[in-house]
Amino acid sequence: MSIALKERILGGEDEEFTLNLLKEVLVNANIQVESVNNVADALERVGLFDPQTMIVGLNFGVAGLGGGRFIAS
């Protein structure tokens, strides 16, 4: 018997409704999802969760690193 591996996606968005909606859609598609609402948590989860794909907002608010800078680094 073989075990099918799930796709692992890290979703990052500072707007709670959007993040929850994204997570719900992906989980319903049988995808393993970790969700974060700031750049610091995203950086931490990347190392621990080892996602195959990341979906992140381009603006994690005005304070600290924004998503655009996170993507470029």
PDB file of N, CA and C in Angstrom:
ATOM      1  N   MET A   1       0.838  -1.173   0.000  1.00  0.00           N
ATOM      2  CA  MET A   1       0.000   0.000   0.000  1.00  0.00           C
ATOM      3  C   MET A   1       0.889   1.245   0.000  1.00  0.00           C
ATOM      4  N   SER A   2       0.623   2.179  -0.888  1.00  0.00           N
ATOM      5  CA  SER A   2       1.420   3.399  -0.955  1.00  0.00           C
ATOM      6  C   SER A   2       0.685   4.543  -0.257  1.00  0.00           C
ATOM      7  N   ILE A   3       1.459   5.451   0.282  1.00  0.00           N
ATOM      8  CA  ILE A   3       0.903   6.613   0.965  1.00  0.00           C
ATOM      9  C   ILE A   3       1.069   7.815   0.048  1.00  0.00           C
ATOM     10  N   ALA A   4      -0.045   8.451  -0.287  1.00  0.00           N
ATOM     11  CA  ALA A   4       0.007   9.635  -1.138  1.00  0.00           C
ATOM     12  C   ALA A   4       0.415  10.841  -0.300  1.00  0.00           C
ATOM     13  N   LEU A   5       1.400  11.577  -0.765  1.00  0.00           N
ATOM     14  CA  LEU A   5       1.844  12.770  -0.072  1.00  0.00           C
ATOM     15  C   LEU A   5       0.996  13.953  -0.502  1.00  0.00           C
ATOM     16  N   LYS A   6       0.599  14.758   0.467  1.00  0.00           N
ATOM     17  CA  LYS A   6      -0.183  15.950   0.161  1.00  0.00           C
ATOM     18  C   LYS A   6       0.729  17.091  -0.259  1.00  0.00           C
ATOM     19  N   GLU A   7       0.214  17.917  -1.132  1.00  0.00           N
ATOM     20  CA  GLU A   7       0.878  19.170  -1.479  1.00  0.00           C
ATOM     21  C   GLU A   7       0.917  20.031  -0.212  1.00  0.00           C
ATOM     22  N   ARG A   8       2.035  20.704   0.038  1.00  0.00           N
ATOM     23  CA  ARG A   8       2.178  21.577   1.206  1.00  0.00           C
ATOM     24  C   ARG A   8       2.264  23.031   0.740  1.00  0.00           C
ATOM     25  N   ILE A   9       1.311  23.829   1.202  1.00  0.00           N
ATOM     26  CA  ILE A   9       1.280  25.241   0.822  1.00  0.00           C
ATOM     27  C   ILE A   9       1.296  26.103   2.076  1.00  0.00           C
ATOM     28  N   LEU A  10       2.147  27.126   2.062  1.00  0.00           N
ATOM     29  CA  LEU A  10       2.170  28.132   3.119  1.00  0.00           C
ATOM     30  C   LEU A  10       1.424  29.351   2.594  1.00  0.00           C
ATOM     31  N   GLY A  11       0.366  29.744   3.299  1.00  0.00           N
ATOM     32  CA  GLY A  11      -0.407  30.923   2.915  1.00  0.00           C
ATOM     33  C   GLY A  11      -0.139  32.049   3.891  1.00  0.00           C
ATOM     34  N   GLY A  12       0.163  33.213   3.380  1.00  0.00           N
ATOM     35  CA  GLY A  12       0.432  34.368   4.232  1.00  0.00           C
ATOM     36  C   GLY A  12      -0.396  35.568   3.819  1.00  0.00           C
ATOM     37  N   GLU A  13      -1.136  36.115   4.767  1.00  0.00           N
ATOM     38  CA  GLU A  13      -1.990  37.274   4.495  1.00  0.00           C
ATOM     39  C   GLU A  13      -2.330  37.921   5.824  1.00  0.00           C
ATOM     40  N   ASP A  14      -2.251  39.257   5.905  1.00  0.00           N
ATOM     41  CA  ASP A  14      -2.546  39.918   7.175  1.00  0.00           C
ATOM     42  C   ASP A  14      -4.032  40.185   7.367  1.00  0.00           C
ATOM     43  N   GLU A  15      -4.847  40.020   6.336  1.00  0.00           N
ATOM     44  CA  GLU A  15      -6.288  40.214   6.450  1.00  0.00           C
ATOM     45  C   GLU A  15      -6.922  38.865   6.788  1.00  0.00           C
ATOM     46  N   GLU A  16      -7.470  38.746   7.989  1.00  0.00           N
ATOM     47  CA  GLU A  16      -7.950  37.472   8.531  1.00  0.00           C
ATOM     48  C   GLU A  16      -9.002  36.793   7.655  1.00  0.00           C
ATOM     49  N   PHE A  17      -9.975  37.530   7.142  1.00  0.00           N
ATOM     50  CA  PHE A  17     -11.021  36.927   6.315  1.00  0.00           C
ATOM     51  C   PHE A  17     -10.421  36.276   5.072  1.00  0.00           C
ATOM     52  N   THR A  18      -9.541  36.984   4.397  1.00  0.00           N
ATOM     53  CA  THR A  18      -8.910  36.467   3.181  1.00  0.00           C
ATOM     54  C   THR A  18      -8.060  35.242   3.484  1.00  0.00           C
ATOM     55  N   LEU A  19      -7.300  35.286   4.566  1.00  0.00           N
ATOM     56  CA  LEU A  19      -6.463  34.160   4.950  1.00  0.00           C
ATOM     57  C   LEU A  19      -7.305  32.925   5.264  1.00  0.00           C
ATOM     58  N   ASN A  20      -8.388  33.101   6.015  1.00  0.00           N
ATOM     59  CA  ASN A  20      -9.261  31.975   6.347  1.00  0.00           C
ATOM     60  C   ASN A  20      -9.944  31.401   5.113  1.00  0.00           C
ATOM     61  N   LEU A  21     -10.351  32.265   4.201  1.00  0.00           N
ATOM     62  CA  LEU A  21     -10.976  31.807   2.961  1.00  0.00           C
ATOM     63  C   LEU A  21      -9.991  31.011   2.113  1.00  0.00           C
ATOM     64  N   LEU A  22      -8.773  31.511   1.986  1.00  0.00           N
ATOM     65  CA  LEU A  22      -7.734  30.809   1.235  1.00  0.00           C
ATOM     66  C   LEU A  22      -7.479  29.436   1.840  1.00  0.00           C
ATOM     67  N   LYS A  23      -7.335  29.392   3.167  1.00  0.00           N
ATOM     68  CA  LYS A  23      -7.064  28.127   3.839  1.00  0.00           C
ATOM     69  C   LYS A  23      -8.212  27.143   3.638  1.00  0.00           C
ATOM     70  N   GLU A  24      -9.446  27.605   3.768  1.00  0.00           N
ATOM     71  CA  GLU A  24     -10.612  26.734   3.597  1.00  0.00           C
ATOM     72  C   GLU A  24     -10.665  26.132   2.195  1.00  0.00           C
ATOM     73  N   VAL A  25     -10.423  26.943   1.191  1.00  0.00           N
ATOM     74  CA  VAL A  25     -10.444  26.455  -0.196  1.00  0.00           C
ATOM     75  C   VAL A  25      -9.366  25.397  -0.415  1.00  0.00           C
ATOM     76  N   LEU A  26      -8.164  25.652   0.082  1.00  0.00           N
ATOM     77  CA  LEU A  26      -7.058  24.716  -0.116  1.00  0.00           C
ATOM     78  C   LEU A  26      -7.266  23.419   0.664  1.00  0.00           C
ATOM     79  N   VAL A  27      -7.734  23.512   1.894  1.00  0.00           N
ATOM     80  CA  VAL A  27      -7.995  22.302   2.699  1.00  0.00           C
ATOM     81  C   VAL A  27      -9.082  21.458   2.034  1.00  0.00           C
ATOM     82  N   ASN A  28     -10.104  22.109   1.501  1.00  0.00           N
ATOM     83  CA  ASN A  28     -11.171  21.380   0.804  1.00  0.00           C
ATOM     84  C   ASN A  28     -10.666  20.697  -0.466  1.00  0.00           C
ATOM     85  N   ALA A  29      -9.544  21.178  -0.993  1.00  0.00           N
ATOM     86  CA  ALA A  29      -8.916  20.551  -2.166  1.00  0.00           C
ATOM     87  C   ALA A  29      -7.904  19.492  -1.739  1.00  0.00           C
ATOM     88  N   ASN A  30      -7.944  19.113  -0.458  1.00  0.00           N
ATOM     89  CA  ASN A  30      -7.072  18.074   0.098  1.00  0.00           C
ATOM     90  C   ASN A  30      -5.591  18.466   0.053  1.00  0.00           C
ATOM     91  N   ILE A  31      -5.333  19.736   0.374  1.00  0.00           N
ATOM     92  CA  ILE A  31      -3.970  20.263   0.407  1.00  0.00           C
ATOM     93  C   ILE A  31      -3.623  20.590   1.855  1.00  0.00           C
ATOM     94  N   GLN A  32      -2.420  20.248   2.268  1.00  0.00           N
ATOM     95  CA  GLN A  32      -1.953  20.566   3.615  1.00  0.00           C
ATOM     96  C   GLN A  32      -1.539  22.034   3.638  1.00  0.00           C
ATOM     97  N   VAL A  33      -2.125  22.798   4.550  1.00  0.00           N
ATOM     98  CA  VAL A  33      -1.919  24.243   4.568  1.00  0.00           C
ATOM     99  C   VAL A  33      -1.452  24.709   5.945  1.00  0.00           C
ATOM    100  N   GLU A  34      -0.476  25.571   5.950  1.00  0.00           N
ATOM    101  CA  GLU A  34      -0.086  26.339   7.133  1.00  0.00           C
ATOM    102  C   GLU A  34      -0.383  27.789   6.774  1.00  0.00           C
ATOM    103  N   SER A  35      -0.988  28.517   7.700  1.00  0.00           N
ATOM    104  CA  SER A  35      -1.291  29.909   7.412  1.00  0.00           C
ATOM    105  C   SER A  35      -0.655  30.814   8.467  1.00  0.00           C
ATOM    106  N   VAL A  36      -0.189  31.964   8.002  1.00  0.00           N
ATOM    107  CA  VAL A  36       0.446  32.956   8.873  1.00  0.00           C
ATOM    108  C   VAL A  36      -0.075  34.333   8.510  1.00  0.00           C
ATOM    109  N   ASN A  37       0.005  35.262   9.484  1.00  0.00           N
ATOM    110  CA  ASN A  37      -0.509  36.603   9.195  1.00  0.00           C
ATOM    111  C   ASN A  37       0.554  37.694   9.294  1.00  0.00           C
ATOM    112  N   ASN A  38       1.838  37.282   9.322  1.00  0.00           N
ATOM    113  CA  ASN A  38       2.908  38.288   9.303  1.00  0.00           C
ATOM    114  C   ASN A  38       4.194  37.659   8.762  1.00  0.00           C
ATOM    115  N   VAL A  39       5.111  38.504   8.372  1.00  0.00           N
ATOM    116  CA  VAL A  39       6.345  38.053   7.726  1.00  0.00           C
ATOM    117  C   VAL A  39       7.231  37.251   8.674  1.00  0.00           C
ATOM    118  N   ALA A  40       7.325  37.676   9.932  1.00  0.00           N
ATOM    119  CA  ALA A  40       8.172  36.952  10.887  1.00  0.00           C
ATOM    120  C   ALA A  40       7.709  35.507  11.035  1.00  0.00           C
ATOM    121  N   ASP A  41       6.394  35.292  11.154  1.00  0.00           N
ATOM    122  CA  ASP A  41       5.870  33.932  11.260  1.00  0.00           C
ATOM    123  C   ASP A  41       6.090  33.159   9.964  1.00  0.00           C
ATOM    124  N   ALA A  42       5.967  33.835   8.829  1.00  0.00           N
ATOM    125  CA  ALA A  42       6.193  33.170   7.534  1.00  0.00           C
ATOM    126  C   ALA A  42       7.632  32.671   7.439  1.00  0.00           C
ATOM    127  N   LEU A  43       8.579  33.498   7.834  1.00  0.00           N
ATOM    128  CA  LEU A  43       9.984  33.096   7.778  1.00  0.00           C
ATOM    129  C   LEU A  43      10.247  31.895   8.678  1.00  0.00           C
ATOM    130  N   GLU A  44       9.626  31.878   9.848  1.00  0.00           N
ATOM    131  CA  GLU A  44       9.789  30.760  10.776  1.00  0.00           C
ATOM    132  C   GLU A  44       9.151  29.483  10.218  1.00  0.00           C
ATOM    133  N   ARG A  45       7.948  29.601   9.682  1.00  0.00           N
ATOM    134  CA  ARG A  45       7.218  28.425   9.197  1.00  0.00           C
ATOM    135  C   ARG A  45       7.862  27.817   7.955  1.00  0.00           C
ATOM    136  N   VAL A  46       8.522  28.619   7.146  1.00  0.00           N
ATOM    137  CA  VAL A  46       9.182  28.082   5.954  1.00  0.00           C
ATOM    138  C   VAL A  46      10.181  27.005   6.350  1.00  0.00           C
ATOM    139  N   GLY A  47      10.963  27.269   7.375  1.00  0.00           N
ATOM    140  CA  GLY A  47      11.961  26.301   7.814  1.00  0.00           C
ATOM    141  C   GLY A  47      11.366  25.072   8.468  1.00  0.00           C
ATOM    142  N   LEU A  48      10.269  25.241   9.176  1.00  0.00           N
ATOM    143  CA  LEU A  48       9.659  24.127   9.902  1.00  0.00           C
ATOM    144  C   LEU A  48       8.704  23.303   9.047  1.00  0.00           C
ATOM    145  N   PHE A  49       7.943  23.960   8.189  1.00  0.00           N
ATOM    146  CA  PHE A  49       6.897  23.311   7.401  1.00  0.00           C
ATOM    147  C   PHE A  49       7.406  22.820   6.049  1.00  0.00           C
ATOM    148  N   ASP A  50       8.447  23.457   5.521  1.00  0.00           N
ATOM    149  CA  ASP A  50       9.034  23.106   4.224  1.00  0.00           C
ATOM    150  C   ASP A  50       7.978  23.048   3.117  1.00  0.00           C
ATOM    151  N   PRO A  51       7.326  24.180   2.841  1.00  0.00           N
ATOM    152  CA  PRO A  51       6.256  24.180   1.836  1.00  0.00           C
ATOM    153  C   PRO A  51       6.798  23.975   0.427  1.00  0.00           C
ATOM    154  N   GLN A  52       5.972  23.386  -0.414  1.00  0.00           N
ATOM    155  CA  GLN A  52       6.313  23.248  -1.824  1.00  0.00           C
ATOM    156  C   GLN A  52       5.932  24.517  -2.588  1.00  0.00           C
ATOM    157  N   THR A  53       4.933  25.215  -2.069  1.00  0.00           N
ATOM    158  CA  THR A  53       4.419  26.429  -2.691  1.00  0.00           C
ATOM    159  C   THR A  53       4.072  27.427  -1.603  1.00  0.00           C
ATOM    160  N   MET A  54       4.216  28.714  -1.937  1.00  0.00           N
ATOM    161  CA  MET A  54       3.811  29.771  -1.012  1.00  0.00           C
ATOM    162  C   MET A  54       2.869  30.721  -1.727  1.00  0.00           C
ATOM    163  N   ILE A  55       1.801  31.096  -1.041  1.00  0.00           N
ATOM    164  CA  ILE A  55       0.890  32.117  -1.532  1.00  0.00           C
ATOM    165  C   ILE A  55       0.895  33.213  -0.476  1.00  0.00           C
ATOM    166  N   VAL A  56       1.398  34.385  -0.827  1.00  0.00           N
ATOM    167  CA  VAL A  56       1.518  35.458   0.154  1.00  0.00           C
ATOM    168  C   VAL A  56       0.929  36.748  -0.384  1.00  0.00           C
ATOM    169  N   GLY A  57       0.364  37.540   0.523  1.00  0.00           N
ATOM    170  CA  GLY A  57      -0.098  38.871   0.175  1.00  0.00           C
ATOM    171  C   GLY A  57       1.104  39.759  -0.100  1.00  0.00           C
ATOM    172  N   LEU A  58       0.914  40.775  -0.898  1.00  0.00           N
ATOM    173  CA  LEU A  58       2.033  41.667  -1.213  1.00  0.00           C
ATOM    174  C   LEU A  58       2.232  42.749  -0.178  1.00  0.00           C
ATOM    175  N   ASN A  59       1.305  42.885   0.769  1.00  0.00           N
ATOM    176  CA  ASN A  59       1.431  43.937   1.768  1.00  0.00           C
ATOM    177  C   ASN A  59       0.963  43.384   3.112  1.00  0.00           C
ATOM    178  N   PHE A  60       1.899  43.130   4.010  1.00  0.00           N
ATOM    179  CA  PHE A  60       1.576  42.666   5.360  1.00  0.00           C
ATOM    180  C   PHE A  60       1.455  43.873   6.286  1.00  0.00           C
ATOM    181  N   GLY A  61       0.788  44.918   5.859  1.00  0.00           N
ATOM    182  CA  GLY A  61       0.631  46.108   6.686  1.00  0.00           C
ATOM    183  C   GLY A  61       1.768  47.079   6.471  1.00  0.00           C
ATOM    184  N   VAL A  62       1.707  48.194   7.183  1.00  0.00           N
ATOM    185  CA  VAL A  62       2.695  49.255   6.969  1.00  0.00           C
ATOM    186  C   VAL A  62       3.912  49.123   7.871  1.00  0.00           C
ATOM    187  N   ALA A  63       3.828  48.386   8.961  1.00  0.00           N
ATOM    188  CA  ALA A  63       4.955  48.252   9.880  1.00  0.00           C
ATOM    189  C   ALA A  63       5.774  47.010   9.546  1.00  0.00           C
ATOM    190  N   GLY A  64       7.065  47.124   9.603  1.00  0.00           N
ATOM    191  CA  GLY A  64       7.936  45.975   9.400  1.00  0.00           C
ATOM    192  C   GLY A  64       8.054  45.596   7.927  1.00  0.00           C
ATOM    193  N   LEU A  65       8.504  44.389   7.705  1.00  0.00           N
ATOM    194  CA  LEU A  65       8.673  43.904   6.335  1.00  0.00           C
ATOM    195  C   LEU A  65       7.326  43.701   5.669  1.00  0.00           C
ATOM    196  N   GLY A  66       7.188  44.146   4.437  1.00  0.00           N
ATOM    197  CA  GLY A  66       5.986  43.869   3.666  1.00  0.00           C
ATOM    198  C   GLY A  66       6.198  42.618   2.865  1.00  0.00           C
ATOM    199  N   GLY A  67       5.124  42.061   2.339  1.00  0.00           N
ATOM    200  CA  GLY A  67       5.218  40.842   1.538  1.00  0.00           C
ATOM    201  C   GLY A  67       6.109  41.010   0.334  1.00  0.00           C
ATOM    202  N   GLY A  68       6.059  42.191  -0.308  1.00  0.00           N
ATOM    203  CA  GLY A  68       6.892  42.429  -1.485  1.00  0.00           C
ATOM    204  C   GLY A  68       8.367  42.302  -1.165  1.00  0.00           C
ATOM    205  N   ARG A  69       8.797  42.843  -0.029  1.00  0.00           N
ATOM    206  CA  ARG A  69      10.203  42.720   0.380  1.00  0.00           C
ATOM    207  C   ARG A  69      10.513  41.281   0.785  1.00  0.00           C
ATOM    208  N   PHE A  70       9.535  40.610   1.369  1.00  0.00           N
ATOM    209  CA  PHE A  70       9.734  39.205   1.772  1.00  0.00           C
ATOM    210  C   PHE A  70       9.967  38.348   0.545  1.00  0.00           C
ATOM    211  N   ILE A  71       9.184  38.548  -0.504  1.00  0.00           N
ATOM    212  CA  ILE A  71       9.317  37.756  -1.724  1.00  0.00           C
ATOM    213  C   ILE A  71      10.673  38.003  -2.380  1.00  0.00           C
ATOM    214  N   ALA A  72      11.131  39.257  -2.362  1.00  0.00           N
ATOM    215  CA  ALA A  72      12.367  39.596  -3.055  1.00  0.00           C
ATOM    216  C   ALA A  72      13.611  39.135  -2.324  1.00  0.00           C
ATOM    217  N   SER A  73      13.522  38.888  -1.012  1.00  0.00           N
ATOM    218  CA  SER A  73      14.728  38.562  -0.271  1.00  0.00           C
ATOM    219  C   SER A  73      15.092  37.103  -0.364  1.00  0.00           C
TER     220      SER A  73
END
